[in-house]
PDB file of all heavy atoms in Angstrom:
ATOM      1  N   LEU A   1      15.528 -26.329  -7.739  1.00  0.00           N
ATOM      2  CA  LEU A   1      16.079 -25.255  -8.570  1.00  0.00           C
ATOM      3  C   LEU A   1      16.132 -23.925  -7.833  1.00  0.00           C
ATOM      4  O   LEU A   1      16.545 -22.913  -8.410  1.00  0.00           O
ATOM      5  CB  LEU A   1      15.230 -25.090  -9.842  1.00  0.00           C
ATOM      6  CG  LEU A   1      15.125 -26.315 -10.747  1.00  0.00           C
ATOM      7  CD1 LEU A   1      14.210 -26.012 -11.927  1.00  0.00           C
ATOM      8  CD2 LEU A   1      16.494 -26.733 -11.250  1.00  0.00           C
ATOM      9  N   ALA A   2      15.721 -23.893  -6.580  1.00  0.00           N
ATOM     10  CA  ALA A   2      15.652 -22.632  -5.841  1.00  0.00           C
ATOM     11  C   ALA A   2      17.011 -22.254  -5.263  1.00  0.00           C
ATOM     12  O   ALA A   2      17.757 -23.100  -4.787  1.00  0.00           O
ATOM     13  CB  ALA A   2      14.621 -22.741  -4.717  1.00  0.00           C
ATOM     14  N   ALA A   3      17.308 -20.979  -5.318  1.00  0.00           N
ATOM     15  CA  ALA A   3      18.494 -20.390  -4.704  1.00  0.00           C
ATOM     16  C   ALA A   3      18.299 -18.882  -4.768  1.00  0.00           C
ATOM     17  O   ALA A   3      17.571 -18.382  -5.636  1.00  0.00           O
ATOM     18  CB  ALA A   3      19.775 -20.799  -5.429  1.00  0.00           C
ATOM     19  N   PRO A   4      18.926 -18.120  -3.879  1.00  0.00           N
ATOM     20  CA  PRO A   4      18.719 -16.665  -3.890  1.00  0.00           C
ATOM     21  C   PRO A   4      19.055 -16.011  -5.226  1.00  0.00           C
ATOM     22  O   PRO A   4      18.385 -15.049  -5.626  1.00  0.00           O
ATOM     23  CB  PRO A   4      19.662 -16.178  -2.774  1.00  0.00           C
ATOM     24  CG  PRO A   4      19.744 -17.327  -1.835  1.00  0.00           C
ATOM     25  CD  PRO A   4      19.714 -18.548  -2.709  1.00  0.00           C
ATOM     26  N   ASP A   5      20.067 -16.499  -5.936  1.00  0.00           N
ATOM     27  CA  ASP A   5      20.409 -15.894  -7.224  1.00  0.00           C
ATOM     28  C   ASP A   5      19.421 -16.299  -8.311  1.00  0.00           C
ATOM     29  O   ASP A   5      19.100 -15.496  -9.193  1.00  0.00           O
ATOM     30  CB  ASP A   5      21.837 -16.272  -7.636  1.00  0.00           C
ATOM     31  CG  ASP A   5      22.102 -17.767  -7.516  1.00  0.00           C
ATOM     32  OD1 ASP A   5      21.785 -18.331  -6.469  1.00  0.00           O
ATOM     33  OD2 ASP A   5      22.638 -18.360  -8.465  1.00  0.00           O
ATOM     34  N   ILE A   6      18.907 -17.516  -8.265  1.00  0.00           N
ATOM     35  CA  ILE A   6      17.943 -17.972  -9.261  1.00  0.00           C
ATOM     36  C   ILE A   6      16.600 -17.266  -9.077  1.00  0.00           C
ATOM     37  O   ILE A   6      15.906 -16.949 -10.053  1.00  0.00           O
ATOM     38  CB  ILE A   6      17.739 -19.492  -9.169  1.00  0.00           C
ATOM     39  CG1 ILE A   6      19.079 -20.232  -9.361  1.00  0.00           C
ATOM     40  CG2 ILE A   6      16.723 -19.969 -10.189  1.00  0.00           C
ATOM     41  CD1 ILE A   6      19.729 -20.002 -10.708  1.00  0.00           C
ATOM     42  N   LEU A   7      16.213 -16.987  -7.844  1.00  0.00           N
ATOM     43  CA  LEU A   7      14.911 -16.385  -7.561  1.00  0.00           C
ATOM     44  C   LEU A   7      14.937 -14.862  -7.550  1.00  0.00           C
ATOM     45  O   LEU A   7      13.928 -14.231  -7.218  1.00  0.00           O
ATOM     46  CB  LEU A   7      14.391 -16.897  -6.205  1.00  0.00           C
ATOM     47  CG  LEU A   7      14.168 -18.405  -6.102  1.00  0.00           C
ATOM     48  CD1 LEU A   7      13.569 -18.756  -4.755  1.00  0.00           C
ATOM     49  CD2 LEU A   7      13.287 -18.912  -7.231  1.00  0.00           C
ATOM     50  N   GLY A   8      16.064 -14.264  -7.885  1.00  0.00           N
ATOM     51  CA  GLY A   8      16.119 -12.815  -8.010  1.00  0.00           C
ATOM     52  C   GLY A   8      16.458 -12.065  -6.736  1.00  0.00           C
ATOM     53  O   GLY A   8      16.517 -10.832  -6.734  1.00  0.00           O
ATOM     54  N   ILE A   9      16.709 -12.789  -5.637  1.00  0.00           N
ATOM     55  CA  ILE A   9      16.990 -12.125  -4.364  1.00  0.00           C
ATOM     56  C   ILE A   9      18.342 -11.417  -4.412  1.00  0.00           C
ATOM     57  O   ILE A   9      18.481 -10.264  -3.978  1.00  0.00           O
ATOM     58  CB  ILE A   9      16.944 -13.140  -3.213  1.00  0.00           C
ATOM     59  CG1 ILE A   9      15.534 -13.728  -3.105  1.00  0.00           C
ATOM     60  CG2 ILE A   9      17.347 -12.500  -1.892  1.00  0.00           C
ATOM     61  CD1 ILE A   9      15.405 -14.861  -2.106  1.00  0.00           C
ATOM     62  N   ASN A  10      19.355 -12.092  -4.959  1.00  0.00           N
ATOM     63  CA  ASN A  10      20.667 -11.457  -5.088  1.00  0.00           C
ATOM     64  C   ASN A  10      20.629 -10.255  -6.023  1.00  0.00           C
ATOM     65  O   ASN A  10      21.280  -9.236  -5.779  1.00  0.00           O
ATOM     66  CB  ASN A  10      21.698 -12.475  -5.602  1.00  0.00           C
ATOM     67  CG  ASN A  10      22.108 -13.471  -4.539  1.00  0.00           C
ATOM     68  OD1 ASN A  10      21.613 -13.441  -3.414  1.00  0.00           O
ATOM     69  ND2 ASN A  10      23.007 -14.367  -4.888  1.00  0.00           N
ATOM     70  N   VAL A  11      19.860 -10.375  -7.108  1.00  0.00           N
ATOM     71  CA  VAL A  11      19.767  -9.271  -8.057  1.00  0.00           C
ATOM     72  C   VAL A  11      19.051  -8.081  -7.418  1.00  0.00           C
ATOM     73  O   VAL A  11      19.392  -6.925  -7.673  1.00  0.00           O
ATOM     74  CB  VAL A  11      19.040  -9.715  -9.343  1.00  0.00           C
ATOM     75  CG1 VAL A  11      18.912  -8.565 -10.321  1.00  0.00           C
ATOM     76  CG2 VAL A  11      19.798 -10.867  -9.989  1.00  0.00           C
ATOM     77  N   GLY A  12      18.057  -8.364  -6.576  1.00  0.00           N
ATOM     78  CA  GLY A  12      17.395  -7.286  -5.849  1.00  0.00           C
ATOM     79  C   GLY A  12      18.357  -6.552  -4.935  1.00  0.00           C
ATOM     80  O   GLY A  12      18.349  -5.308  -4.866  1.00  0.00           O
ATOM     81  N   ALA A  13      19.198  -7.301  -4.233  1.00  0.00           N
ATOM     82  CA  ALA A  13      20.209  -6.674  -3.380  1.00  0.00           C
ATOM     83  C   ALA A  13      21.214  -5.884  -4.218  1.00  0.00           C
ATOM     84  O   ALA A  13      21.642  -4.792  -3.825  1.00  0.00           O
ATOM     85  CB  ALA A  13      20.926  -7.740  -2.553  1.00  0.00           C
ATOM     86  N   SER A  14      21.575  -6.414  -5.383  1.00  0.00           N
ATOM     87  CA  SER A  14      22.531  -5.733  -6.258  1.00  0.00           C
ATOM     88  C   SER A  14      21.960  -4.411  -6.776  1.00  0.00           C
ATOM     89  O   SER A  14      22.653  -3.389  -6.803  1.00  0.00           O
ATOM     90  CB  SER A  14      22.896  -6.628  -7.443  1.00  0.00           C
ATOM     91  OG  SER A  14      23.498  -7.821  -7.003  1.00  0.00           O
ATOM     92  N   LEU A  15      20.698  -4.430  -7.197  1.00  0.00           N
ATOM     93  CA  LEU A  15      20.057  -3.201  -7.671  1.00  0.00           C
ATOM     94  C   LEU A  15      20.044  -2.147  -6.575  1.00  0.00           C
ATOM     95  O   LEU A  15      20.339  -0.962  -6.827  1.00  0.00           O
ATOM     96  CB  LEU A  15      18.638  -3.503  -8.131  1.00  0.00           C
ATOM     97  CG  LEU A  15      17.766  -2.293  -8.503  1.00  0.00           C
ATOM     98  CD1 LEU A  15      18.389  -1.482  -9.626  1.00  0.00           C
ATOM     99  CD2 LEU A  15      16.356  -2.741  -8.871  1.00  0.00           C
ATOM    100  N   ALA A  16      19.732  -2.559  -5.360  1.00  0.00           N
ATOM    101  CA  ALA A  16      19.720  -1.613  -4.249  1.00  0.00           C
ATOM    102  C   ALA A  16      21.113  -1.052  -3.986  1.00  0.00           C
ATOM    103  O   ALA A  16      21.270   0.143  -3.684  1.00  0.00           O
ATOM    104  CB  ALA A  16      19.170  -2.293  -2.997  1.00  0.00           C
ATOM    105  N   MET A  17      22.137  -1.894  -4.091  1.00  0.00           N
ATOM    106  CA  MET A  17      23.511  -1.427  -3.904  1.00  0.00           C
ATOM    107  C   MET A  17      23.910  -0.432  -4.989  1.00  0.00           C
ATOM    108  O   MET A  17      24.532   0.600  -4.717  1.00  0.00           O
ATOM    109  CB  MET A  17      24.464  -2.620  -3.913  1.00  0.00           C
ATOM    110  CG  MET A  17      24.422  -3.454  -2.648  1.00  0.00           C
ATOM    111  SD  MET A  17      25.323  -2.687  -1.284  1.00  0.00           S
ATOM    112  CE  MET A  17      27.008  -2.843  -1.878  1.00  0.00           C
ATOM    113  N   VAL A  18      23.564  -0.736  -6.241  1.00  0.00           N
ATOM    114  CA  VAL A  18      23.861   0.181  -7.345  1.00  0.00           C
ATOM    115  C   VAL A  18      23.151   1.511  -7.130  1.00  0.00           C
ATOM    116  O   VAL A  18      23.717   2.595  -7.345  1.00  0.00           O
ATOM    117  CB  VAL A  18      23.449  -0.447  -8.687  1.00  0.00           C
ATOM    118  CG1 VAL A  18      23.521   0.575  -9.816  1.00  0.00           C
ATOM    119  CG2 VAL A  18      24.341  -1.642  -9.006  1.00  0.00           C
ATOM    120  N   LEU A  19      21.902   1.443  -6.681  1.00  0.00           N
ATOM    121  CA  LEU A  19      21.148   2.661  -6.409  1.00  0.00           C
ATOM    122  C   LEU A  19      21.793   3.463  -5.286  1.00  0.00           C
ATOM    123  O   LEU A  19      21.849   4.704  -5.343  1.00  0.00           O
ATOM    124  CB  LEU A  19      19.706   2.292  -6.033  1.00  0.00           C
ATOM    125  CG  LEU A  19      18.713   3.445  -5.873  1.00  0.00           C
ATOM    126  CD1 LEU A  19      18.594   4.228  -7.172  1.00  0.00           C
ATOM    127  CD2 LEU A  19      17.355   2.922  -5.425  1.00  0.00           C
ATOM    128  N   ALA A  20      22.312   2.771  -4.276  1.00  0.00           N
ATOM    129  CA  ALA A  20      22.974   3.456  -3.167  1.00  0.00           C
ATOM    130  C   ALA A  20      24.218   4.198  -3.647  1.00  0.00           C
ATOM    131  O   ALA A  20      24.466   5.346  -3.260  1.00  0.00           O
ATOM    132  CB  ALA A  20      23.348   2.443  -2.078  1.00  0.00           C
ATOM    133  N   VAL A  21      25.011   3.558  -4.498  1.00  0.00           N
ATOM    134  CA  VAL A  21      26.203   4.213  -5.046  1.00  0.00           C
ATOM    135  C   VAL A  21      25.809   5.384  -5.942  1.00  0.00           C
ATOM    136  O   VAL A  21      26.411   6.458  -5.896  1.00  0.00           O
ATOM    137  CB  VAL A  21      27.061   3.198  -5.825  1.00  0.00           C
ATOM    138  CG1 VAL A  21      28.242   3.891  -6.501  1.00  0.00           C
ATOM    139  CG2 VAL A  21      27.561   2.097  -4.898  1.00  0.00           C
ATOM    140  N   PHE A  22      24.773   5.177  -6.757  1.00  0.00           N
ATOM    141  CA  PHE A  22      24.289   6.231  -7.658  1.00  0.00           C
ATOM    142  C   PHE A  22      23.838   7.474  -6.877  1.00  0.00           C
ATOM    143  O   PHE A  22      24.084   8.617  -7.284  1.00  0.00           O
ATOM    144  CB  PHE A  22      23.139   5.687  -8.497  1.00  0.00           C
ATOM    145  CG  PHE A  22      22.489   6.696  -9.398  1.00  0.00           C
ATOM    146  CD1 PHE A  22      23.151   7.176 -10.522  1.00  0.00           C
ATOM    147  CD2 PHE A  22      21.213   7.159  -9.134  1.00  0.00           C
ATOM    148  CE1 PHE A  22      22.552   8.105 -11.358  1.00  0.00           C
ATOM    149  CE2 PHE A  22      20.605   8.084  -9.962  1.00  0.00           C
ATOM    150  CZ  PHE A  22      21.279   8.566 -11.074  1.00  0.00           C
ATOM    151  N   LEU A  23      23.192   7.247  -5.731  1.00  0.00           N
ATOM    152  CA  LEU A  23      22.706   8.360  -4.917  1.00  0.00           C
ATOM    153  C   LEU A  23      23.792   8.955  -4.029  1.00  0.00           C
ATOM    154  O   LEU A  23      23.557   9.964  -3.359  1.00  0.00           O
ATOM    155  CB  LEU A  23      21.537   7.890  -4.045  1.00  0.00           C
ATOM    156  CG  LEU A  23      20.270   7.443  -4.800  1.00  0.00           C
ATOM    157  CD1 LEU A  23      19.243   6.895  -3.825  1.00  0.00           C
ATOM    158  CD2 LEU A  23      19.698   8.593  -5.605  1.00  0.00           C
ATOM    159  N   GLY A  24      24.968   8.317  -4.013  1.00  0.00           N
ATOM    160  CA  GLY A  24      26.078   8.841  -3.222  1.00  0.00           C
ATOM    161  C   GLY A  24      25.918   8.632  -1.732  1.00  0.00           C
ATOM    162  O   GLY A  24      26.420   9.418  -0.934  1.00  0.00           O
ATOM    163  N   SER A  25      25.247   7.568  -1.315  1.00  0.00           N
ATOM    164  CA  SER A  25      25.035   7.315   0.112  1.00  0.00           C
ATOM    165  C   SER A  25      26.328   6.882   0.787  1.00  0.00           C
ATOM    166  O   SER A  25      27.275   6.423   0.140  1.00  0.00           O
ATOM    167  CB  SER A  25      23.969   6.236   0.300  1.00  0.00           C
ATOM    168  OG  SER A  25      24.445   4.989  -0.163  1.00  0.00           O
ATOM    169  N   ASP A  26      26.364   7.010   2.085  1.00  0.00           N
ATOM    170  CA  ASP A  26      27.513   6.589   2.883  1.00  0.00           C
ATOM    171  C   ASP A  26      27.727   5.088   2.721  1.00  0.00           C
ATOM    172  O   ASP A  26      26.774   4.304   2.775  1.00  0.00           O
ATOM    173  CB  ASP A  26      27.262   6.929   4.359  1.00  0.00           C
ATOM    174  CG  ASP A  26      28.508   6.769   5.221  1.00  0.00           C
ATOM    175  OD1 ASP A  26      29.220   5.770   5.059  1.00  0.00           O
ATOM    176  OD2 ASP A  26      28.758   7.657   6.065  1.00  0.00           O
ATOM    177  N   SER A  27      28.976   4.692   2.545  1.00  0.00           N
ATOM    178  CA  SER A  27      29.270   3.266   2.319  1.00  0.00           C
ATOM    179  C   SER A  27      28.830   2.396   3.486  1.00  0.00           C
ATOM    180  O   SER A  27      28.532   1.215   3.315  1.00  0.00           O
ATOM    181  CB  SER A  27      30.773   3.074   2.075  1.00  0.00           C
ATOM    182  OG  SER A  27      31.524   3.518   3.193  1.00  0.00           O
ATOM    183  N   ARG A  28      28.762   2.979   4.698  1.00  0.00           N
ATOM    184  CA  ARG A  28      28.338   2.205   5.857  1.00  0.00           C
ATOM    185  C   ARG A  28      26.865   1.814   5.790  1.00  0.00           C
ATOM    186  O   ARG A  28      26.440   0.867   6.462  1.00  0.00           O
ATOM    187  CB  ARG A  28      28.594   2.999   7.139  1.00  0.00           C
ATOM    188  CG  ARG A  28      30.072   3.155   7.489  1.00  0.00           C
ATOM    189  CD  ARG A  28      30.272   4.072   8.663  1.00  0.00           C
ATOM    190  NE  ARG A  28      29.869   5.438   8.356  1.00  0.00           N
ATOM    191  CZ  ARG A  28      29.980   6.465   9.195  1.00  0.00           C
ATOM    192  NH1 ARG A  28      30.490   6.267  10.403  1.00  0.00           N
ATOM    193  NH2 ARG A  28      29.589   7.666   8.836  1.00  0.00           N
ATOM    194  N   SER A  29      26.095   2.511   4.981  1.00  0.00           N
ATOM    195  CA  SER A  29      24.673   2.196   4.857  1.00  0.00           C
ATOM    196  C   SER A  29      24.381   1.249   3.701  1.00  0.00           C
ATOM    197  O   SER A  29      23.234   0.834   3.517  1.00  0.00           O
ATOM    198  CB  SER A  29      23.861   3.489   4.665  1.00  0.00           C
ATOM    199  OG  SER A  29      24.155   4.093   3.412  1.00  0.00           O
ATOM    200  N   HIS A  30      25.409   0.891   2.926  1.00  0.00           N
ATOM    201  CA  HIS A  30      25.179   0.057   1.745  1.00  0.00           C
ATOM    202  C   HIS A  30      24.580  -1.296   2.104  1.00  0.00           C
ATOM    203  O   HIS A  30      23.748  -1.825   1.364  1.00  0.00           O
ATOM    204  CB  HIS A  30      26.490  -0.134   0.974  1.00  0.00           C
ATOM    205  CG  HIS A  30      26.906   1.087   0.224  1.00  0.00           C
ATOM    206  ND1 HIS A  30      28.043   1.137  -0.559  1.00  0.00           N
ATOM    207  CD2 HIS A  30      26.337   2.314   0.126  1.00  0.00           C
ATOM    208  CE1 HIS A  30      28.159   2.345  -1.093  1.00  0.00           C
ATOM    209  NE2 HIS A  30      27.140   3.071  -0.696  1.00  0.00           N
ATOM    210  N   VAL A  31      25.008  -1.877   3.214  1.00  0.00           N
ATOM    211  CA  VAL A  31      24.495  -3.191   3.589  1.00  0.00           C
ATOM    212  C   VAL A  31      22.991  -3.117   3.859  1.00  0.00           C
ATOM    213  O   VAL A  31      22.256  -4.059   3.563  1.00  0.00           O
ATOM    214  CB  VAL A  31      25.253  -3.754   4.809  1.00  0.00           C
ATOM    215  CG1 VAL A  31      24.982  -2.925   6.061  1.00  0.00           C
ATOM    216  CG2 VAL A  31      24.883  -5.219   5.044  1.00  0.00           C
ATOM    217  N   TRP A  32      22.525  -1.991   4.374  1.00  0.00           N
ATOM    218  CA  TRP A  32      21.096  -1.850   4.630  1.00  0.00           C
ATOM    219  C   TRP A  32      20.319  -1.734   3.323  1.00  0.00           C
ATOM    220  O   TRP A  32      19.191  -2.225   3.222  1.00  0.00           O
ATOM    221  CB  TRP A  32      20.842  -0.641   5.533  1.00  0.00           C
ATOM    222  CG  TRP A  32      21.357  -0.864   6.912  1.00  0.00           C
ATOM    223  CD1 TRP A  32      22.494  -0.360   7.465  1.00  0.00           C
ATOM    224  CD2 TRP A  32      20.767  -1.683   7.919  1.00  0.00           C
ATOM    225  NE1 TRP A  32      22.655  -0.811   8.749  1.00  0.00           N
ATOM    226  CE2 TRP A  32      21.609  -1.623   9.055  1.00  0.00           C
ATOM    227  CE3 TRP A  32      19.607  -2.468   7.972  1.00  0.00           C
ATOM    228  CZ2 TRP A  32      21.318  -2.316  10.228  1.00  0.00           C
ATOM    229  CZ3 TRP A  32      19.319  -3.160   9.135  1.00  0.00           C
ATOM    230  CH2 TRP A  32      20.165  -3.081  10.250  1.00  0.00           C
ATOM    231  N   PHE A  33      20.904  -1.073   2.335  1.00  0.00           N
ATOM    232  CA  PHE A  33      20.296  -1.067   1.006  1.00  0.00           C
ATOM    233  C   PHE A  33      20.187  -2.500   0.473  1.00  0.00           C
ATOM    234  O   PHE A  33      19.167  -2.889  -0.105  1.00  0.00           O
ATOM    235  CB  PHE A  33      21.125  -0.211   0.046  1.00  0.00           C
ATOM    236  CG  PHE A  33      20.814   1.256   0.109  1.00  0.00           C
ATOM    237  CD1 PHE A  33      21.437   2.075   1.027  1.00  0.00           C
ATOM    238  CD2 PHE A  33      19.905   1.831  -0.770  1.00  0.00           C
ATOM    239  CE1 PHE A  33      21.161   3.426   1.093  1.00  0.00           C
ATOM    240  CE2 PHE A  33      19.617   3.173  -0.731  1.00  0.00           C
ATOM    241  CZ  PHE A  33      20.251   3.992   0.205  1.00  0.00           C
ATOM    242  N   ALA A  34      21.265  -3.276   0.667  1.00  0.00           N
ATOM    243  CA  ALA A  34      21.265  -4.660   0.185  1.00  0.00           C
ATOM    244  C   ALA A  34      20.181  -5.480   0.879  1.00  0.00           C
ATOM    245  O   ALA A  34      19.477  -6.266   0.236  1.00  0.00           O
ATOM    246  CB  ALA A  34      22.640  -5.291   0.402  1.00  0.00           C
ATOM    247  N   PHE A  35      20.038  -5.310   2.193  1.00  0.00           N
ATOM    248  CA  PHE A  35      18.980  -6.019   2.918  1.00  0.00           C
ATOM    249  C   PHE A  35      17.606  -5.639   2.377  1.00  0.00           C
ATOM    250  O   PHE A  35      16.745  -6.498   2.167  1.00  0.00           O
ATOM    251  CB  PHE A  35      19.033  -5.686   4.411  1.00  0.00           C
ATOM    252  CG  PHE A  35      20.222  -6.269   5.135  1.00  0.00           C
ATOM    253  CD1 PHE A  35      20.703  -5.669   6.284  1.00  0.00           C
ATOM    254  CD2 PHE A  35      20.863  -7.407   4.671  1.00  0.00           C
ATOM    255  CE1 PHE A  35      21.794  -6.188   6.953  1.00  0.00           C
ATOM    256  CE2 PHE A  35      21.955  -7.938   5.329  1.00  0.00           C
ATOM    257  CZ  PHE A  35      22.419  -7.323   6.481  1.00  0.00           C
ATOM    258  N   GLY A  36      17.394  -4.346   2.171  1.00  0.00           N
ATOM    259  CA  GLY A  36      16.100  -3.891   1.671  1.00  0.00           C
ATOM    260  C   GLY A  36      15.792  -4.439   0.291  1.00  0.00           C
ATOM    261  O   GLY A  36      14.674  -4.919   0.028  1.00  0.00           O
ATOM    262  N   GLY A  37      16.784  -4.398  -0.603  1.00  0.00           N
ATOM    263  CA  GLY A  37      16.586  -4.927  -1.951  1.00  0.00           C
ATOM    264  C   GLY A  37      16.313  -6.412  -1.946  1.00  0.00           C
ATOM    265  O   GLY A  37      15.436  -6.904  -2.676  1.00  0.00           O
ATOM    266  N   ALA A  38      17.053  -7.155  -1.118  1.00  0.00           N
ATOM    267  CA  ALA A  38      16.841  -8.605  -1.036  1.00  0.00           C
ATOM    268  C   ALA A  38      15.458  -8.921  -0.478  1.00  0.00           C
ATOM    269  O   ALA A  38      14.778  -9.838  -0.963  1.00  0.00           O
ATOM    270  CB  ALA A  38      17.926  -9.235  -0.164  1.00  0.00           C
ATOM    271  N   ALA A  39      15.033  -8.187   0.539  1.00  0.00           N
ATOM    272  CA  ALA A  39      13.727  -8.432   1.155  1.00  0.00           C
ATOM    273  C   ALA A  39      12.588  -8.154   0.177  1.00  0.00           C
ATOM    274  O   ALA A  39      11.644  -8.943   0.053  1.00  0.00           O
ATOM    275  CB  ALA A  39      13.566  -7.570   2.408  1.00  0.00           C
ATOM    276  N   ILE A  40      12.667  -7.027  -0.537  1.00  0.00           N
ATOM    277  CA  ILE A  40      11.617  -6.683  -1.499  1.00  0.00           C
ATOM    278  C   ILE A  40      11.550  -7.732  -2.611  1.00  0.00           C
ATOM    279  O   ILE A  40      10.465  -8.166  -3.026  1.00  0.00           O
ATOM    280  CB  ILE A  40      11.867  -5.277  -2.075  1.00  0.00           C
ATOM    281  CG1 ILE A  40      11.673  -4.225  -0.981  1.00  0.00           C
ATOM    282  CG2 ILE A  40      10.920  -4.997  -3.241  1.00  0.00           C
ATOM    283  CD1 ILE A  40      12.098  -2.832  -1.391  1.00  0.00           C
TER     284      ILE A  40
END
């Protein structure tokens, strides 16, 4: 039953991406937000 979306990894990356847009960060840094959210 394991998968990144089932275990919350994708949602963590999504939250970080939403936070990046909310804070108005440069779009080039969005992928790093996604990595950080997925890792956490």
